[in-house]
Amino acid sequence: MMERNRRAVILLDLIEQLRDNLSWCGETHIQKATYFLQEMMQVPLGFEFILYKHGPFSFDLADEITAMRADNLLKVQPQPYPYRPSILPGKASESLMKRFPKTLKKFRPYIAFVAEKLGGKKVNDLERLATALYVILENESDSNVQSQAQRVHKLKPHIPIEEAIEAVKTVDEFLKESKVILQA
């Protein structure tokens, strides 16, 4: 697992890049984007994710976000009802990010890829996509889109099979594209 300050720098950069890609950066966006960054892009953040109410979720990451708020690395910005608050870089974030240029340089292509793919997505899209990634990684020997979509639907019955199929196909494309970036 990566040292805490380096991990914080990666999360801060992810939040900034999500915002640059039209995300309002609620906790769900950060949770799902971090899941993709760690699991698809193989960034060793060390968060443990479980399949939870709205797809993969890390209680460790939720705790880290709270700790980063306490350290003034993150701040919360209220949003109009019915939206939850945005999470933004805080007062202390800029000085921390300046201390770790090598970490940023090393992981920025991976962060940029995830932010580009997920930044503009709505919460329900993120749930479908993250659950599809969870299913694909859970059983990598099964590359059948239909059976993967059935598994997504079984885990999340409120996701119609057609939307599950689309999510699996989209994540398959993400995975193909990510291989090019990972090999660069």
N, C-alpha and C. Protein backbone atom coordinates (compact mmCIF):
# COMPACT_ATOMS: atom_id res chain seq x y z
N MET A 1 0.84 -1.19 0.00
CA MET A 1 0.00 0.00 0.00
C MET A 1 0.88 1.24 0.00
N MET A 2 0.39 2.24 -0.64
CA MET A 2 1.09 3.50 -0.81
C MET A 2 1.03 4.35 0.47
N GLU A 3 2.05 5.14 0.68
CA GLU A 3 2.13 6.04 1.82
C GLU A 3 0.98 7.06 1.77
N ARG A 4 0.47 7.45 2.93
CA ARG A 4 -0.77 8.23 3.02
C ARG A 4 -0.73 9.55 2.24
N ASN A 5 0.37 10.30 2.33
CA ASN A 5 0.42 11.58 1.62
C ASN A 5 0.41 11.39 0.10
N ARG A 6 1.09 10.36 -0.38
CA ARG A 6 1.07 10.09 -1.83
C ARG A 6 -0.34 9.68 -2.27
N ARG A 7 -0.99 8.88 -1.45
CA ARG A 7 -2.36 8.47 -1.75
C ARG A 7 -3.28 9.69 -1.77
N ALA A 8 -3.09 10.61 -0.82
CA ALA A 8 -3.89 11.82 -0.77
C ALA A 8 -3.68 12.67 -2.02
N VAL A 9 -2.44 12.77 -2.49
CA VAL A 9 -2.13 13.54 -3.70
C VAL A 9 -2.86 12.94 -4.90
N ILE A 10 -2.88 11.62 -4.99
CA ILE A 10 -3.57 10.97 -6.10
C ILE A 10 -5.08 11.25 -6.02
N LEU A 11 -5.65 11.16 -4.83
CA LEU A 11 -7.08 11.45 -4.67
C LEU A 11 -7.38 12.90 -5.00
N LEU A 12 -6.53 13.81 -4.58
CA LEU A 12 -6.74 15.24 -4.89
C LEU A 12 -6.69 15.48 -6.39
N ASP A 13 -5.72 14.87 -7.05
CA ASP A 13 -5.61 15.04 -8.50
C ASP A 13 -6.82 14.41 -9.20
N LEU A 14 -7.26 13.27 -8.70
CA LEU A 14 -8.45 12.64 -9.27
C LEU A 14 -9.66 13.57 -9.15
N ILE A 15 -9.85 14.17 -8.01
CA ILE A 15 -10.97 15.09 -7.81
C ILE A 15 -10.87 16.28 -8.75
N GLU A 16 -9.68 16.85 -8.87
CA GLU A 16 -9.51 17.98 -9.79
C GLU A 16 -9.81 17.58 -11.23
N GLN A 17 -9.31 16.40 -11.63
CA GLN A 17 -9.54 15.97 -13.01
C GLN A 17 -11.00 15.56 -13.26
N LEU A 18 -11.64 15.00 -12.26
CA LEU A 18 -13.08 14.72 -12.40
C LEU A 18 -13.84 16.02 -12.64
N ARG A 19 -13.52 17.03 -11.85
CA ARG A 19 -14.18 18.34 -12.02
C ARG A 19 -13.91 18.91 -13.41
N ASP A 20 -12.68 18.77 -13.90
CA ASP A 20 -12.35 19.23 -15.25
C ASP A 20 -13.15 18.48 -16.31
N ASN A 21 -13.64 17.29 -15.96
CA ASN A 21 -14.42 16.48 -16.88
C ASN A 21 -15.91 16.47 -16.50
N LEU A 22 -16.35 17.58 -15.92
CA LEU A 22 -17.78 17.86 -15.67
C LEU A 22 -18.42 17.05 -14.54
N SER A 23 -17.63 16.55 -13.62
CA SER A 23 -18.21 15.88 -12.46
C SER A 23 -18.41 16.92 -11.36
N TRP A 24 -19.50 16.77 -10.62
CA TRP A 24 -19.68 17.67 -9.47
C TRP A 24 -19.03 17.07 -8.22
N CYS A 25 -18.38 15.91 -8.36
CA CYS A 25 -17.53 15.33 -7.32
C CYS A 25 -18.22 15.10 -5.99
N GLY A 26 -19.33 14.41 -6.04
CA GLY A 26 -19.91 13.92 -4.80
C GLY A 26 -19.14 12.70 -4.37
N GLU A 27 -19.45 12.19 -3.19
CA GLU A 27 -18.69 11.04 -2.69
C GLU A 27 -18.86 9.82 -3.59
N THR A 28 -20.04 9.64 -4.19
CA THR A 28 -20.23 8.49 -5.09
C THR A 28 -19.28 8.57 -6.27
N HIS A 29 -19.12 9.75 -6.86
CA HIS A 29 -18.19 9.90 -7.98
C HIS A 29 -16.77 9.55 -7.55
N ILE A 30 -16.38 10.02 -6.38
CA ILE A 30 -15.02 9.75 -5.90
C ILE A 30 -14.85 8.26 -5.60
N GLN A 31 -15.85 7.66 -4.97
CA GLN A 31 -15.79 6.22 -4.67
C GLN A 31 -15.63 5.40 -5.95
N LYS A 32 -16.48 5.64 -6.93
CA LYS A 32 -16.46 4.82 -8.15
C LYS A 32 -15.21 5.09 -8.97
N ALA A 33 -14.80 6.36 -9.08
CA ALA A 33 -13.60 6.68 -9.85
C ALA A 33 -12.36 6.08 -9.19
N THR A 34 -12.32 6.09 -7.86
CA THR A 34 -11.19 5.49 -7.15
C THR A 34 -11.18 3.98 -7.35
N TYR A 35 -12.36 3.37 -7.37
CA TYR A 35 -12.45 1.93 -7.64
C TYR A 35 -11.86 1.62 -9.01
N PHE A 36 -12.23 2.39 -10.04
CA PHE A 36 -11.69 2.17 -11.37
C PHE A 36 -10.18 2.42 -11.40
N LEU A 37 -9.74 3.47 -10.71
CA LEU A 37 -8.32 3.80 -10.69
C LEU A 37 -7.50 2.67 -10.06
N GLN A 38 -8.00 2.15 -8.97
CA GLN A 38 -7.27 1.09 -8.27
C GLN A 38 -7.38 -0.26 -8.98
N GLU A 39 -8.56 -0.63 -9.38
CA GLU A 39 -8.78 -1.98 -9.92
C GLU A 39 -8.49 -2.10 -11.42
N MET A 40 -8.86 -1.11 -12.19
CA MET A 40 -8.65 -1.19 -13.63
C MET A 40 -7.26 -0.67 -14.01
N MET A 41 -6.87 0.45 -13.40
CA MET A 41 -5.58 1.06 -13.75
C MET A 41 -4.44 0.59 -12.85
N GLN A 42 -4.76 -0.26 -11.89
CA GLN A 42 -3.76 -0.90 -11.03
C GLN A 42 -2.91 0.08 -10.23
N VAL A 43 -3.53 1.19 -9.82
CA VAL A 43 -2.85 2.14 -8.95
C VAL A 43 -2.96 1.59 -7.53
N PRO A 44 -1.84 1.35 -6.86
CA PRO A 44 -1.85 0.64 -5.57
C PRO A 44 -2.28 1.51 -4.38
N LEU A 45 -3.53 1.89 -4.36
CA LEU A 45 -4.03 2.76 -3.30
C LEU A 45 -4.30 2.01 -2.00
N GLY A 46 -4.59 0.73 -2.09
CA GLY A 46 -4.76 -0.09 -0.89
C GLY A 46 -6.12 -0.01 -0.23
N PHE A 47 -7.12 0.47 -0.95
CA PHE A 47 -8.47 0.51 -0.39
C PHE A 47 -9.15 -0.83 -0.60
N GLU A 48 -9.89 -1.27 0.40
CA GLU A 48 -10.66 -2.50 0.27
C GLU A 48 -12.08 -2.11 -0.14
N PHE A 49 -12.53 -2.64 -1.26
CA PHE A 49 -13.88 -2.37 -1.77
C PHE A 49 -14.75 -3.60 -1.59
N ILE A 50 -15.99 -3.37 -1.24
CA ILE A 50 -16.99 -4.43 -1.19
C ILE A 50 -18.15 -4.02 -2.09
N LEU A 51 -18.93 -5.00 -2.52
CA LEU A 51 -20.12 -4.68 -3.28
C LEU A 51 -21.19 -4.27 -2.28
N TYR A 52 -21.64 -3.05 -2.39
CA TYR A 52 -22.55 -2.46 -1.40
C TYR A 52 -23.80 -1.97 -2.12
N LYS A 53 -24.56 -1.16 -1.45
CA LYS A 53 -25.87 -0.72 -1.93
C LYS A 53 -25.84 -0.20 -3.38
N HIS A 54 -24.90 0.66 -3.70
CA HIS A 54 -24.83 1.26 -5.04
C HIS A 54 -23.56 0.87 -5.78
N GLY A 55 -23.16 -0.39 -5.63
CA GLY A 55 -21.97 -0.87 -6.32
C GLY A 55 -20.78 -0.91 -5.39
N PRO A 56 -19.58 -1.08 -5.96
CA PRO A 56 -18.38 -1.16 -5.12
C PRO A 56 -18.23 0.09 -4.24
N PHE A 57 -17.89 -0.16 -2.98
CA PHE A 57 -17.77 0.91 -2.00
C PHE A 57 -16.65 0.55 -1.03
N SER A 58 -15.89 1.55 -0.61
CA SER A 58 -14.81 1.35 0.35
C SER A 58 -15.06 2.19 1.59
N PHE A 59 -15.25 1.51 2.71
CA PHE A 59 -15.37 2.22 3.97
C PHE A 59 -14.04 2.88 4.32
N ASP A 60 -12.92 2.24 3.93
CA ASP A 60 -11.60 2.82 4.15
C ASP A 60 -11.47 4.16 3.42
N LEU A 61 -11.96 4.20 2.17
CA LEU A 61 -11.92 5.44 1.40
C LEU A 61 -12.82 6.49 2.03
N ALA A 62 -13.99 6.10 2.49
CA ALA A 62 -14.88 7.06 3.17
C ALA A 62 -14.18 7.65 4.39
N ASP A 63 -13.47 6.81 5.15
CA ASP A 63 -12.70 7.28 6.30
C ASP A 63 -11.57 8.21 5.86
N GLU A 64 -10.92 7.87 4.76
CA GLU A 64 -9.82 8.69 4.26
C GLU A 64 -10.33 10.07 3.83
N ILE A 65 -11.48 10.12 3.19
CA ILE A 65 -12.07 11.40 2.80
C ILE A 65 -12.35 12.24 4.04
N THR A 66 -12.88 11.62 5.08
CA THR A 66 -13.13 12.33 6.33
C THR A 66 -11.83 12.85 6.93
N ALA A 67 -10.80 12.01 6.94
CA ALA A 67 -9.50 12.42 7.48
C ALA A 67 -8.91 13.57 6.66
N MET A 68 -9.05 13.50 5.35
CA MET A 68 -8.54 14.56 4.49
C MET A 68 -9.30 15.87 4.73
N ARG A 69 -10.58 15.77 5.03
CA ARG A 69 -11.34 16.98 5.41
C ARG A 69 -10.80 17.56 6.71
N ALA A 70 -10.52 16.70 7.68
CA ALA A 70 -9.99 17.16 8.98
C ALA A 70 -8.63 17.83 8.80
N ASP A 71 -7.86 17.39 7.81
CA ASP A 71 -6.54 17.96 7.55
C ASP A 71 -6.59 19.15 6.59
N ASN A 72 -7.78 19.62 6.27
CA ASN A 72 -7.99 20.73 5.32
C ASN A 72 -7.48 20.43 3.91
N LEU A 73 -7.37 19.15 3.59
CA LEU A 73 -7.00 18.77 2.23
C LEU A 73 -8.23 18.74 1.34
N LEU A 74 -9.38 18.50 1.94
CA LEU A 74 -10.66 18.51 1.23
C LEU A 74 -11.64 19.40 1.96
N LYS A 75 -12.59 19.92 1.21
CA LYS A 75 -13.68 20.69 1.80
C LYS A 75 -14.98 20.26 1.13
N VAL A 76 -16.07 20.54 1.81
CA VAL A 76 -17.39 20.18 1.31
C VAL A 76 -18.10 21.45 0.85
N GLN A 77 -18.73 21.35 -0.32
CA GLN A 77 -19.50 22.46 -0.84
C GLN A 77 -20.94 22.00 -1.01
N PRO A 78 -21.89 22.59 -0.26
CA PRO A 78 -23.29 22.17 -0.37
C PRO A 78 -23.82 22.37 -1.79
N GLN A 79 -24.76 21.51 -2.17
CA GLN A 79 -25.43 21.60 -3.47
C GLN A 79 -26.93 21.72 -3.22
N PRO A 80 -27.65 22.27 -4.20
CA PRO A 80 -29.10 22.38 -4.00
C PRO A 80 -29.76 21.01 -3.88
N TYR A 81 -30.85 20.97 -3.12
CA TYR A 81 -31.62 19.74 -2.97
C TYR A 81 -32.02 19.25 -4.34
N PRO A 82 -31.99 17.99 -4.66
CA PRO A 82 -31.81 16.82 -3.82
C PRO A 82 -30.37 16.30 -3.81
N TYR A 83 -29.42 17.11 -4.28
CA TYR A 83 -28.05 16.63 -4.44
C TYR A 83 -27.28 16.68 -3.13
N ARG A 84 -26.34 15.75 -3.02
CA ARG A 84 -25.44 15.74 -1.86
C ARG A 84 -24.29 16.70 -2.16
N PRO A 85 -23.50 17.03 -1.16
CA PRO A 85 -22.45 18.03 -1.38
C PRO A 85 -21.34 17.55 -2.31
N SER A 86 -20.68 18.53 -2.92
CA SER A 86 -19.47 18.27 -3.69
C SER A 86 -18.29 18.22 -2.72
N ILE A 87 -17.30 17.45 -3.08
CA ILE A 87 -16.07 17.38 -2.30
C ILE A 87 -14.96 17.97 -3.16
N LEU A 88 -14.33 19.01 -2.63
CA LEU A 88 -13.35 19.77 -3.40
C LEU A 88 -12.02 19.83 -2.65
N PRO A 89 -10.93 20.13 -3.39
CA PRO A 89 -9.65 20.33 -2.71
C PRO A 89 -9.77 21.48 -1.70
N GLY A 90 -9.15 21.28 -0.54
CA GLY A 90 -9.19 22.28 0.53
C GLY A 90 -7.96 23.16 0.54
N LYS A 91 -7.86 24.00 1.56
CA LYS A 91 -6.78 25.00 1.67
C LYS A 91 -5.39 24.39 1.64
N ALA A 92 -5.21 23.24 2.27
CA ALA A 92 -3.87 22.64 2.38
C ALA A 92 -3.50 21.76 1.18
N SER A 93 -4.40 21.59 0.23
CA SER A 93 -4.15 20.64 -0.86
C SER A 93 -3.03 21.07 -1.79
N GLU A 94 -2.98 22.35 -2.11
CA GLU A 94 -2.00 22.81 -3.08
C GLU A 94 -0.56 22.58 -2.60
N SER A 95 -0.30 22.88 -1.34
CA SER A 95 1.07 22.70 -0.83
C SER A 95 1.45 21.22 -0.79
N LEU A 96 0.50 20.35 -0.45
CA LEU A 96 0.79 18.92 -0.45
C LEU A 96 1.09 18.43 -1.86
N MET A 97 0.30 18.86 -2.82
CA MET A 97 0.50 18.39 -4.20
C MET A 97 1.85 18.84 -4.75
N LYS A 98 2.31 20.01 -4.33
CA LYS A 98 3.62 20.50 -4.79
C LYS A 98 4.77 19.65 -4.25
N ARG A 99 4.54 18.95 -3.15
CA ARG A 99 5.59 18.13 -2.53
C ARG A 99 5.78 16.78 -3.21
N PHE A 100 4.85 16.39 -4.11
CA PHE A 100 4.92 15.05 -4.70
C PHE A 100 4.79 15.09 -6.23
N PRO A 101 5.68 15.84 -6.90
CA PRO A 101 5.56 15.93 -8.36
C PRO A 101 5.81 14.59 -9.07
N LYS A 102 6.68 13.75 -8.52
CA LYS A 102 6.97 12.46 -9.16
C LYS A 102 5.75 11.54 -9.09
N THR A 103 5.06 11.57 -7.96
CA THR A 103 3.85 10.75 -7.82
C THR A 103 2.81 11.20 -8.82
N LEU A 104 2.62 12.51 -8.93
CA LEU A 104 1.65 13.02 -9.90
C LEU A 104 2.03 12.65 -11.32
N LYS A 105 3.29 12.80 -11.66
CA LYS A 105 3.74 12.48 -13.02
C LYS A 105 3.52 11.01 -13.34
N LYS A 106 3.83 10.15 -12.37
CA LYS A 106 3.72 8.70 -12.59
C LYS A 106 2.27 8.26 -12.82
N PHE A 107 1.35 8.81 -12.03
CA PHE A 107 -0.03 8.32 -12.07
C PHE A 107 -1.01 9.20 -12.86
N ARG A 108 -0.58 10.38 -13.28
CA ARG A 108 -1.50 11.29 -13.96
C ARG A 108 -2.14 10.70 -15.21
N PRO A 109 -1.43 9.95 -16.06
CA PRO A 109 -2.12 9.37 -17.23
C PRO A 109 -3.27 8.44 -16.84
N TYR A 110 -3.09 7.69 -15.76
CA TYR A 110 -4.13 6.77 -15.30
C TYR A 110 -5.32 7.55 -14.73
N ILE A 111 -4.99 8.59 -13.96
CA ILE A 111 -6.02 9.44 -13.36
C ILE A 111 -6.81 10.14 -14.48
N ALA A 112 -6.09 10.68 -15.46
CA ALA A 112 -6.74 11.38 -16.56
C ALA A 112 -7.68 10.46 -17.34
N PHE A 113 -7.25 9.22 -17.56
CA PHE A 113 -8.08 8.26 -18.28
C PHE A 113 -9.38 8.00 -17.53
N VAL A 114 -9.28 7.73 -16.24
CA VAL A 114 -10.47 7.44 -15.44
C VAL A 114 -11.37 8.67 -15.38
N ALA A 115 -10.80 9.83 -15.16
CA ALA A 115 -11.60 11.06 -15.07
C ALA A 115 -12.32 11.35 -16.39
N GLU A 116 -11.64 11.11 -17.49
CA GLU A 116 -12.26 11.33 -18.81
C GLU A 116 -13.44 10.37 -19.03
N LYS A 117 -13.26 9.12 -18.62
CA LYS A 117 -14.30 8.12 -18.84
C LYS A 117 -15.49 8.29 -17.90
N LEU A 118 -15.26 8.74 -16.67
CA LEU A 118 -16.32 8.76 -15.66
C LEU A 118 -16.81 10.16 -15.26
N GLY A 119 -16.04 11.18 -15.56
CA GLY A 119 -16.34 12.52 -15.07
C GLY A 119 -17.75 13.02 -15.32
N GLY A 120 -18.25 12.83 -16.51
CA GLY A 120 -19.57 13.35 -16.85
C GLY A 120 -20.73 12.40 -16.58
N LYS A 121 -20.44 11.27 -15.98
CA LYS A 121 -21.49 10.26 -15.74
C LYS A 121 -22.37 10.63 -14.56
N LYS A 122 -23.62 10.19 -14.64
CA LYS A 122 -24.56 10.35 -13.53
C LYS A 122 -24.34 9.20 -12.54
N VAL A 123 -24.85 9.37 -11.33
CA VAL A 123 -24.65 8.39 -10.27
C VAL A 123 -25.14 7.00 -10.68
N ASN A 124 -26.32 6.92 -11.31
CA ASN A 124 -26.82 5.59 -11.69
C ASN A 124 -25.96 4.96 -12.78
N ASP A 125 -25.36 5.77 -13.65
CA ASP A 125 -24.42 5.24 -14.66
C ASP A 125 -23.18 4.68 -13.96
N LEU A 126 -22.69 5.43 -12.97
CA LEU A 126 -21.50 5.00 -12.24
C LEU A 126 -21.75 3.67 -11.53
N GLU A 127 -22.94 3.52 -10.95
CA GLU A 127 -23.28 2.26 -10.27
C GLU A 127 -23.23 1.10 -11.25
N ARG A 128 -23.85 1.26 -12.41
CA ARG A 128 -23.86 0.19 -13.41
C ARG A 128 -22.45 -0.15 -13.88
N LEU A 129 -21.67 0.89 -14.20
CA LEU A 129 -20.33 0.66 -14.73
C LEU A 129 -19.41 0.02 -13.68
N ALA A 130 -19.45 0.52 -12.46
CA ALA A 130 -18.59 -0.02 -11.41
C ALA A 130 -18.99 -1.45 -11.06
N THR A 131 -20.29 -1.73 -11.06
CA THR A 131 -20.74 -3.10 -10.80
C THR A 131 -20.33 -4.02 -11.94
N ALA A 132 -20.39 -3.52 -13.17
CA ALA A 132 -19.93 -4.31 -14.31
C ALA A 132 -18.44 -4.62 -14.19
N LEU A 133 -17.63 -3.62 -13.80
CA LEU A 133 -16.21 -3.88 -13.61
C LEU A 133 -16.00 -4.91 -12.50
N TYR A 134 -16.74 -4.79 -11.43
CA TYR A 134 -16.65 -5.75 -10.32
C TYR A 134 -16.92 -7.17 -10.82
N VAL A 135 -17.97 -7.33 -11.61
CA VAL A 135 -18.34 -8.65 -12.14
C VAL A 135 -17.27 -9.19 -13.09
N ILE A 136 -16.78 -8.32 -13.96
CA ILE A 136 -15.76 -8.75 -14.93
C ILE A 136 -14.49 -9.19 -14.21
N LEU A 137 -14.07 -8.45 -13.21
CA LEU A 137 -12.84 -8.79 -12.48
C LEU A 137 -13.04 -9.97 -11.54
N GLU A 138 -14.27 -10.17 -11.10
CA GLU A 138 -14.60 -11.27 -10.20
C GLU A 138 -14.37 -12.63 -10.87
N ASN A 139 -14.64 -12.69 -12.17
CA ASN A 139 -14.51 -13.94 -12.90
C ASN A 139 -13.95 -13.63 -14.29
N GLU A 140 -12.65 -13.37 -14.34
CA GLU A 140 -12.02 -12.95 -15.60
C GLU A 140 -12.02 -14.04 -16.66
N SER A 141 -12.24 -15.29 -16.27
CA SER A 141 -12.26 -16.37 -17.26
C SER A 141 -13.58 -16.37 -18.05
N ASP A 142 -14.61 -15.70 -17.54
CA ASP A 142 -15.89 -15.62 -18.24
C ASP A 142 -15.96 -14.30 -18.98
N SER A 143 -15.75 -14.34 -20.29
CA SER A 143 -15.78 -13.11 -21.08
C SER A 143 -17.08 -12.97 -21.86
N ASN A 144 -18.08 -13.76 -21.51
CA ASN A 144 -19.37 -13.71 -22.19
C ASN A 144 -20.18 -12.53 -21.67
N VAL A 145 -20.46 -11.59 -22.55
CA VAL A 145 -21.17 -10.37 -22.17
C VAL A 145 -22.53 -10.69 -21.55
N GLN A 146 -23.24 -11.62 -22.15
CA GLN A 146 -24.58 -11.97 -21.67
C GLN A 146 -24.53 -12.51 -20.23
N SER A 147 -23.60 -13.43 -19.96
CA SER A 147 -23.54 -14.00 -18.62
C SER A 147 -23.04 -12.98 -17.60
N GLN A 148 -22.13 -12.11 -18.02
CA GLN A 148 -21.67 -11.04 -17.12
C GLN A 148 -22.83 -10.09 -16.80
N ALA A 149 -23.61 -9.75 -17.82
CA ALA A 149 -24.75 -8.85 -17.61
C ALA A 149 -25.80 -9.51 -16.71
N GLN A 150 -25.99 -10.81 -16.87
CA GLN A 150 -26.92 -11.53 -15.99
C GLN A 150 -26.45 -11.44 -14.54
N ARG A 151 -25.14 -11.56 -14.34
CA ARG A 151 -24.58 -11.47 -12.98
C ARG A 151 -24.79 -10.05 -12.41
N VAL A 152 -24.57 -9.04 -13.23
CA VAL A 152 -24.82 -7.65 -12.79
C VAL A 152 -26.27 -7.51 -12.37
N HIS A 153 -27.17 -8.01 -13.19
CA HIS A 153 -28.61 -7.93 -12.91
C HIS A 153 -28.97 -8.73 -11.65
N LYS A 154 -28.33 -9.88 -11.47
CA LYS A 154 -28.60 -10.69 -10.27
C LYS A 154 -28.15 -9.95 -9.01
N LEU A 155 -26.98 -9.31 -9.08
CA LEU A 155 -26.46 -8.57 -7.93
C LEU A 155 -27.26 -7.29 -7.67
N LYS A 156 -27.72 -6.68 -8.74
CA LYS A 156 -28.45 -5.40 -8.66
C LYS A 156 -29.73 -5.53 -9.50
N PRO A 157 -30.77 -6.16 -8.94
CA PRO A 157 -31.98 -6.44 -9.71
C PRO A 157 -32.68 -5.20 -10.30
N HIS A 158 -32.41 -4.04 -9.72
CA HIS A 158 -33.02 -2.81 -10.26
C HIS A 158 -32.35 -2.36 -11.56
N ILE A 159 -31.22 -2.97 -11.93
CA ILE A 159 -30.56 -2.65 -13.20
C ILE A 159 -31.14 -3.58 -14.26
N PRO A 160 -31.90 -3.02 -15.22
CA PRO A 160 -32.47 -3.86 -16.28
C PRO A 160 -31.36 -4.56 -17.07
N ILE A 161 -31.66 -5.74 -17.56
CA ILE A 161 -30.67 -6.55 -18.26
C ILE A 161 -30.07 -5.79 -19.45
N GLU A 162 -30.88 -5.00 -20.16
CA GLU A 162 -30.39 -4.25 -21.31
C GLU A 162 -29.32 -3.24 -20.88
N GLU A 163 -29.56 -2.57 -19.75
CA GLU A 163 -28.59 -1.60 -19.23
C GLU A 163 -27.36 -2.31 -18.69
N ALA A 164 -27.53 -3.49 -18.15
CA ALA A 164 -26.39 -4.28 -17.67
C ALA A 164 -25.51 -4.70 -18.84
N ILE A 165 -26.14 -5.12 -19.95
CA ILE A 165 -25.39 -5.49 -21.15
C ILE A 165 -24.58 -4.30 -21.65
N GLU A 166 -25.23 -3.15 -21.72
CA GLU A 166 -24.55 -1.93 -22.17
C GLU A 166 -23.38 -1.57 -21.25
N ALA A 167 -23.57 -1.71 -19.94
CA ALA A 167 -22.51 -1.40 -18.97
C ALA A 167 -21.32 -2.35 -19.15
N VAL A 168 -21.59 -3.64 -19.33
CA VAL A 168 -20.52 -4.61 -19.53
C VAL A 168 -19.74 -4.29 -20.81
N LYS A 169 -20.45 -3.98 -21.88
CA LYS A 169 -19.78 -3.64 -23.15
C LYS A 169 -18.93 -2.38 -22.99
N THR A 170 -19.45 -1.39 -22.29
CA THR A 170 -18.71 -0.14 -22.07
C THR A 170 -17.45 -0.40 -21.25
N VAL A 171 -17.57 -1.19 -20.19
CA VAL A 171 -16.40 -1.49 -19.35
C VAL A 171 -15.40 -2.34 -20.13
N ASP A 172 -15.87 -3.25 -20.97
CA ASP A 172 -14.94 -4.01 -21.82
C ASP A 172 -14.11 -3.07 -22.69
N GLU A 173 -14.76 -2.03 -23.23
CA GLU A 173 -14.03 -1.04 -24.04
C GLU A 173 -13.03 -0.28 -23.18
N PHE A 174 -13.46 0.13 -21.98
CA PHE A 174 -12.55 0.81 -21.06
C PHE A 174 -11.32 -0.06 -20.80
N LEU A 175 -11.54 -1.34 -20.55
CA LEU A 175 -10.44 -2.26 -20.24
C LEU A 175 -9.47 -2.38 -21.42
N LYS A 176 -10.01 -2.47 -22.63
CA LYS A 176 -9.16 -2.54 -23.82
C LYS A 176 -8.32 -1.27 -23.96
N GLU A 177 -8.97 -0.12 -23.79
CA GLU A 177 -8.27 1.16 -23.89
C GLU A 177 -7.24 1.31 -22.77
N SER A 178 -7.57 0.83 -21.58
CA SER A 178 -6.66 0.99 -20.44
C SER A 178 -5.38 0.19 -20.63
N LYS A 179 -5.46 -0.94 -21.32
CA LYS A 179 -4.27 -1.75 -21.56
C LYS A 179 -3.21 -0.97 -22.34
N VAL A 180 -3.65 -0.15 -23.28
CA VAL A 180 -2.72 0.67 -24.06
C VAL A 180 -2.00 1.66 -23.14
N ILE A 181 -2.76 2.28 -22.24
CA ILE A 181 -2.17 3.26 -21.32
C ILE A 181 -1.24 2.57 -20.32
N LEU A 182 -1.66 1.41 -19.82
CA LEU A 182 -0.84 0.69 -18.85
C LEU A 182 0.48 0.20 -19.44
N GLN A 183 0.49 -0.05 -20.75
CA GLN A 183 1.70 -0.55 -21.40
C GLN A 183 2.61 0.57 -21.88
N ALA A 184 2.12 1.81 -21.82
CA ALA A 184 2.93 2.95 -22.31
C ALA A 184 4.11 3.23 -21.42
